Amino acid sequence: MAQGLRHWLASDQGIRPRTHQSYADHVRLHLIPALGRIRLSELSQRHVQRMFIALGNRRNRYGKPLTAASLERIRATLRVSLNEAVREGLIDGNPARNLRLRASPRPRA
């Protein structure tokens, strides 16, 4: 999976530089450490769900848990990369497609 993610990042996607940098950060910091050893053909929704449970328990550099918005952006990066793998015929379906993340608490007025 790690090699596939790196290949996807290296391909010309026609996206803005800042978006590409965000994708690269998500891949380097979260996706490869959690899913890098799993073969793309063996990746399941269970693997993805376990990764997001672990990410939900992780702390950022300020000692706070990752926000729901950060988890959504990481999931978006994973979905985009897996959708490309589906388009290329490397996998049949996207394991991150129907994933539900925990809801973020709404601030009180």
N, C-alpha and C. Protein backbone atom coordinates (compact mmCIF):
# COMPACT_ATOMS: atom_id res chain seq x y z
N MET A 1 0.82 -1.19 0.00
CA MET A 1 0.00 0.00 0.00
C MET A 1 0.87 1.26 0.00
N ALA A 2 1.99 1.23 0.73
CA ALA A 2 2.86 2.40 0.80
C ALA A 2 3.36 2.79 -0.58
N GLN A 3 3.78 1.80 -1.35
CA GLN A 3 4.30 2.08 -2.69
C GLN A 3 3.20 2.68 -3.58
N GLY A 4 1.99 2.15 -3.46
CA GLY A 4 0.88 2.68 -4.24
C GLY A 4 0.55 4.12 -3.88
N LEU A 5 0.60 4.45 -2.60
CA LEU A 5 0.34 5.82 -2.17
C LEU A 5 1.41 6.77 -2.69
N ARG A 6 2.66 6.32 -2.63
CA ARG A 6 3.74 7.17 -3.15
C ARG A 6 3.62 7.37 -4.66
N HIS A 7 3.27 6.31 -5.37
CA HIS A 7 3.07 6.41 -6.82
C HIS A 7 1.93 7.37 -7.13
N TRP A 8 0.85 7.28 -6.37
CA TRP A 8 -0.29 8.17 -6.59
C TRP A 8 0.12 9.62 -6.38
N LEU A 9 0.90 9.90 -5.34
CA LEU A 9 1.36 11.26 -5.09
C LEU A 9 2.26 11.78 -6.20
N ALA A 10 3.08 10.90 -6.77
CA ALA A 10 4.02 11.30 -7.81
C ALA A 10 3.34 11.54 -9.15
N SER A 11 2.15 10.97 -9.35
CA SER A 11 1.47 11.14 -10.63
C SER A 11 0.93 12.56 -10.76
N ASP A 12 0.83 13.02 -12.00
CA ASP A 12 0.32 14.36 -12.27
C ASP A 12 -1.19 14.34 -12.13
N GLN A 13 -1.69 14.96 -11.07
CA GLN A 13 -3.11 14.92 -10.78
C GLN A 13 -3.84 16.20 -11.19
N GLY A 14 -3.09 17.22 -11.56
CA GLY A 14 -3.71 18.47 -11.95
C GLY A 14 -4.35 19.20 -10.78
N ILE A 15 -3.75 19.08 -9.60
CA ILE A 15 -4.30 19.75 -8.42
C ILE A 15 -3.39 20.89 -8.00
N ARG A 16 -3.92 21.77 -7.17
CA ARG A 16 -3.14 22.91 -6.70
C ARG A 16 -2.01 22.46 -5.79
N PRO A 17 -0.93 23.22 -5.74
CA PRO A 17 0.23 22.83 -4.92
C PRO A 17 -0.09 22.65 -3.44
N ARG A 18 -0.94 23.50 -2.88
CA ARG A 18 -1.26 23.37 -1.45
C ARG A 18 -2.05 22.09 -1.18
N THR A 19 -2.95 21.73 -2.09
CA THR A 19 -3.71 20.49 -1.95
C THR A 19 -2.77 19.31 -2.02
N HIS A 20 -1.83 19.35 -2.96
CA HIS A 20 -0.86 18.27 -3.08
C HIS A 20 -0.02 18.15 -1.81
N GLN A 21 0.35 19.27 -1.22
CA GLN A 21 1.13 19.25 0.02
C GLN A 21 0.31 18.63 1.16
N SER A 22 -0.97 18.96 1.23
CA SER A 22 -1.84 18.37 2.26
C SER A 22 -1.95 16.87 2.07
N TYR A 23 -2.14 16.43 0.81
CA TYR A 23 -2.19 15.00 0.52
C TYR A 23 -0.88 14.33 0.97
N ALA A 24 0.25 14.95 0.62
CA ALA A 24 1.55 14.37 0.96
C ALA A 24 1.72 14.27 2.48
N ASP A 25 1.28 15.28 3.21
CA ASP A 25 1.37 15.25 4.67
C ASP A 25 0.50 14.13 5.24
N HIS A 26 -0.72 13.99 4.75
CA HIS A 26 -1.60 12.93 5.24
C HIS A 26 -1.02 11.55 4.96
N VAL A 27 -0.47 11.39 3.76
CA VAL A 27 0.13 10.10 3.40
C VAL A 27 1.32 9.80 4.29
N ARG A 28 2.20 10.77 4.46
CA ARG A 28 3.43 10.56 5.23
C ARG A 28 3.16 10.38 6.71
N LEU A 29 2.28 11.18 7.27
CA LEU A 29 2.08 11.17 8.72
C LEU A 29 1.08 10.12 9.21
N HIS A 30 0.08 9.81 8.39
CA HIS A 30 -1.01 8.97 8.88
C HIS A 30 -1.24 7.69 8.08
N LEU A 31 -1.31 7.81 6.76
CA LEU A 31 -1.72 6.65 5.96
C LEU A 31 -0.64 5.58 5.84
N ILE A 32 0.58 5.97 5.52
CA ILE A 32 1.64 4.97 5.39
C ILE A 32 1.97 4.31 6.73
N PRO A 33 2.08 5.06 7.83
CA PRO A 33 2.34 4.37 9.10
C PRO A 33 1.25 3.37 9.49
N ALA A 34 0.00 3.67 9.17
CA ALA A 34 -1.10 2.80 9.57
C ALA A 34 -1.41 1.70 8.57
N LEU A 35 -1.31 1.99 7.28
CA LEU A 35 -1.75 1.04 6.25
C LEU A 35 -0.63 0.61 5.30
N GLY A 36 0.56 1.12 5.48
CA GLY A 36 1.64 0.90 4.53
C GLY A 36 2.03 -0.54 4.32
N ARG A 37 1.90 -1.38 5.34
CA ARG A 37 2.32 -2.79 5.20
C ARG A 37 1.26 -3.69 4.58
N ILE A 38 0.05 -3.18 4.45
CA ILE A 38 -1.05 -3.97 3.89
C ILE A 38 -1.02 -3.86 2.37
N ARG A 39 -1.16 -4.99 1.71
CA ARG A 39 -1.23 -4.98 0.24
C ARG A 39 -2.52 -4.32 -0.19
N LEU A 40 -2.47 -3.57 -1.27
CA LEU A 40 -3.64 -2.86 -1.76
C LEU A 40 -4.79 -3.82 -2.02
N SER A 41 -4.50 -4.96 -2.59
CA SER A 41 -5.54 -5.94 -2.91
C SER A 41 -6.17 -6.55 -1.66
N GLU A 42 -5.49 -6.47 -0.52
CA GLU A 42 -6.00 -7.05 0.72
C GLU A 42 -6.63 -6.00 1.65
N LEU A 43 -6.56 -4.74 1.27
CA LEU A 43 -7.10 -3.68 2.11
C LEU A 43 -8.61 -3.82 2.23
N SER A 44 -9.10 -3.78 3.47
CA SER A 44 -10.54 -3.91 3.70
C SER A 44 -11.06 -2.72 4.50
N GLN A 45 -12.36 -2.64 4.59
CA GLN A 45 -12.97 -1.57 5.36
C GLN A 45 -12.60 -1.71 6.84
N ARG A 46 -12.39 -2.93 7.29
CA ARG A 46 -11.99 -3.16 8.68
C ARG A 46 -10.62 -2.53 8.97
N HIS A 47 -9.68 -2.67 8.02
CA HIS A 47 -8.36 -2.04 8.19
C HIS A 47 -8.51 -0.52 8.30
N VAL A 48 -9.31 0.04 7.44
CA VAL A 48 -9.50 1.49 7.41
C VAL A 48 -10.18 1.95 8.70
N GLN A 49 -11.18 1.20 9.15
CA GLN A 49 -11.88 1.56 10.38
C GLN A 49 -10.94 1.52 11.57
N ARG A 50 -10.10 0.50 11.66
CA ARG A 50 -9.13 0.40 12.75
C ARG A 50 -8.16 1.58 12.73
N MET A 51 -7.74 1.97 11.53
CA MET A 51 -6.83 3.11 11.43
C MET A 51 -7.47 4.36 11.99
N PHE A 52 -8.73 4.60 11.65
CA PHE A 52 -9.38 5.82 12.13
C PHE A 52 -9.70 5.77 13.62
N ILE A 53 -9.92 4.61 14.16
CA ILE A 53 -10.08 4.49 15.61
C ILE A 53 -8.77 4.87 16.29
N ALA A 54 -7.66 4.35 15.75
CA ALA A 54 -6.35 4.69 16.31
C ALA A 54 -6.04 6.18 16.15
N LEU A 55 -6.38 6.75 15.00
CA LEU A 55 -6.15 8.18 14.78
C LEU A 55 -7.01 9.01 15.72
N GLY A 56 -8.21 8.55 16.01
CA GLY A 56 -9.08 9.27 16.93
C GLY A 56 -8.53 9.32 18.34
N ASN A 57 -7.68 8.37 18.68
CA ASN A 57 -7.06 8.33 20.01
C ASN A 57 -5.70 9.03 20.05
N ARG A 58 -5.21 9.43 18.90
CA ARG A 58 -3.89 10.05 18.81
C ARG A 58 -3.96 11.52 19.20
N ARG A 59 -2.86 12.03 19.68
CA ARG A 59 -2.75 13.45 20.06
C ARG A 59 -1.89 14.19 19.05
N ASN A 60 -2.22 15.46 18.84
CA ASN A 60 -1.41 16.27 17.94
C ASN A 60 -0.20 16.82 18.70
N ARG A 61 0.56 17.67 18.08
CA ARG A 61 1.78 18.18 18.70
C ARG A 61 1.50 19.07 19.90
N TYR A 62 0.26 19.51 20.07
CA TYR A 62 -0.11 20.34 21.21
C TYR A 62 -0.75 19.52 22.33
N GLY A 63 -0.79 18.21 22.17
CA GLY A 63 -1.36 17.34 23.19
C GLY A 63 -2.86 17.20 23.12
N LYS A 64 -3.47 17.70 22.06
CA LYS A 64 -4.92 17.60 21.90
C LYS A 64 -5.26 16.51 20.89
N PRO A 65 -6.44 15.89 21.02
CA PRO A 65 -6.81 14.86 20.04
C PRO A 65 -7.03 15.48 18.66
N LEU A 66 -6.85 14.67 17.63
CA LEU A 66 -7.12 15.15 16.28
C LEU A 66 -8.60 15.52 16.18
N THR A 67 -8.89 16.60 15.52
CA THR A 67 -10.28 17.05 15.39
C THR A 67 -11.01 16.20 14.35
N ALA A 68 -12.32 16.26 14.43
CA ALA A 68 -13.14 15.54 13.46
C ALA A 68 -12.88 16.05 12.05
N ALA A 69 -12.62 17.35 11.92
CA ALA A 69 -12.33 17.92 10.60
C ALA A 69 -11.02 17.36 10.05
N SER A 70 -10.03 17.20 10.90
CA SER A 70 -8.75 16.62 10.46
C SER A 70 -8.95 15.18 10.00
N LEU A 71 -9.73 14.42 10.76
CA LEU A 71 -10.00 13.03 10.37
C LEU A 71 -10.75 12.97 9.04
N GLU A 72 -11.66 13.91 8.82
CA GLU A 72 -12.39 13.95 7.54
C GLU A 72 -11.44 14.25 6.39
N ARG A 73 -10.49 15.16 6.60
CA ARG A 73 -9.53 15.48 5.53
C ARG A 73 -8.62 14.29 5.24
N ILE A 74 -8.22 13.57 6.27
CA ILE A 74 -7.40 12.37 6.07
C ILE A 74 -8.21 11.33 5.31
N ARG A 75 -9.48 11.17 5.67
CA ARG A 75 -10.34 10.22 4.96
C ARG A 75 -10.53 10.63 3.51
N ALA A 76 -10.66 11.93 3.26
CA ALA A 76 -10.80 12.40 1.89
C ALA A 76 -9.57 12.07 1.06
N THR A 77 -8.40 12.24 1.65
CA THR A 77 -7.15 11.90 0.96
C THR A 77 -7.12 10.41 0.63
N LEU A 78 -7.48 9.58 1.59
CA LEU A 78 -7.49 8.14 1.36
C LEU A 78 -8.51 7.77 0.28
N ARG A 79 -9.69 8.38 0.33
CA ARG A 79 -10.72 8.07 -0.67
C ARG A 79 -10.27 8.45 -2.08
N VAL A 80 -9.65 9.61 -2.21
CA VAL A 80 -9.18 10.05 -3.54
C VAL A 80 -8.15 9.07 -4.08
N SER A 81 -7.21 8.66 -3.24
CA SER A 81 -6.17 7.73 -3.70
C SER A 81 -6.77 6.37 -4.07
N LEU A 82 -7.73 5.89 -3.26
CA LEU A 82 -8.33 4.59 -3.56
C LEU A 82 -9.27 4.67 -4.77
N ASN A 83 -9.92 5.81 -4.97
CA ASN A 83 -10.74 5.97 -6.18
C ASN A 83 -9.87 5.89 -7.43
N GLU A 84 -8.67 6.42 -7.35
CA GLU A 84 -7.75 6.33 -8.48
C GLU A 84 -7.34 4.87 -8.71
N ALA A 85 -7.13 4.13 -7.64
CA ALA A 85 -6.79 2.70 -7.78
C ALA A 85 -7.95 1.93 -8.41
N VAL A 86 -9.17 2.30 -8.09
CA VAL A 86 -10.35 1.67 -8.71
C VAL A 86 -10.38 2.00 -10.20
N ARG A 87 -10.14 3.28 -10.55
CA ARG A 87 -10.14 3.68 -11.96
C ARG A 87 -9.07 2.95 -12.76
N GLU A 88 -7.92 2.69 -12.12
CA GLU A 88 -6.83 1.99 -12.79
C GLU A 88 -7.04 0.47 -12.80
N GLY A 89 -8.08 -0.01 -12.16
CA GLY A 89 -8.38 -1.43 -12.14
C GLY A 89 -7.54 -2.23 -11.16
N LEU A 90 -6.91 -1.57 -10.20
CA LEU A 90 -6.08 -2.27 -9.23
C LEU A 90 -6.90 -2.93 -8.14
N ILE A 91 -8.06 -2.34 -7.82
CA ILE A 91 -8.98 -2.93 -6.85
C ILE A 91 -10.40 -2.79 -7.38
N ASP A 92 -11.31 -3.61 -6.86
CA ASP A 92 -12.69 -3.59 -7.35
C ASP A 92 -13.52 -2.47 -6.74
N GLY A 93 -13.31 -2.20 -5.47
CA GLY A 93 -14.10 -1.18 -4.79
C GLY A 93 -13.25 -0.40 -3.81
N ASN A 94 -13.80 0.71 -3.36
CA ASN A 94 -13.08 1.59 -2.44
C ASN A 94 -13.47 1.25 -1.00
N PRO A 95 -12.55 0.70 -0.20
CA PRO A 95 -12.88 0.34 1.18
C PRO A 95 -13.18 1.54 2.08
N ALA A 96 -12.83 2.73 1.68
CA ALA A 96 -13.08 3.92 2.50
C ALA A 96 -14.36 4.64 2.10
N ARG A 97 -15.08 4.11 1.14
CA ARG A 97 -16.24 4.81 0.61
C ARG A 97 -17.36 4.98 1.63
N ASN A 98 -17.76 3.93 2.30
CA ASN A 98 -18.91 4.00 3.21
C ASN A 98 -18.51 4.16 4.67
N LEU A 99 -17.30 4.55 4.91
CA LEU A 99 -16.80 4.69 6.27
C LEU A 99 -17.48 5.85 6.98
N ARG A 100 -17.88 5.62 8.22
CA ARG A 100 -18.47 6.70 9.02
C ARG A 100 -17.54 7.02 10.16
N LEU A 101 -17.25 8.29 10.31
CA LEU A 101 -16.40 8.75 11.38
C LEU A 101 -17.25 9.29 12.51
N ARG A 102 -16.64 9.42 13.67
CA ARG A 102 -17.38 9.95 14.82
C ARG A 102 -17.77 11.39 14.54
N ALA A 103 -18.92 11.75 15.03
CA ALA A 103 -19.40 13.12 14.84
C ALA A 103 -18.66 14.05 15.79
N SER A 104 -18.43 15.24 15.32
CA SER A 104 -17.76 16.22 16.17
C SER A 104 -18.80 16.89 17.07
N PRO A 105 -18.43 17.17 18.31
CA PRO A 105 -19.37 17.86 19.18
C PRO A 105 -19.60 19.29 18.69
N ARG A 106 -20.83 19.71 18.71
CA ARG A 106 -21.14 21.06 18.26
C ARG A 106 -20.92 22.05 19.41
N PRO A 107 -20.33 23.19 19.09
CA PRO A 107 -20.12 24.17 20.15
C PRO A 107 -21.45 24.76 20.61
N ARG A 108 -21.51 25.06 21.88
CA ARG A 108 -22.72 25.67 22.42
C ARG A 108 -22.60 27.18 22.30
N ALA A 109 -23.72 27.79 22.06
CA ALA A 109 -23.76 29.25 21.93
C ALA A 109 -23.61 29.92 23.28
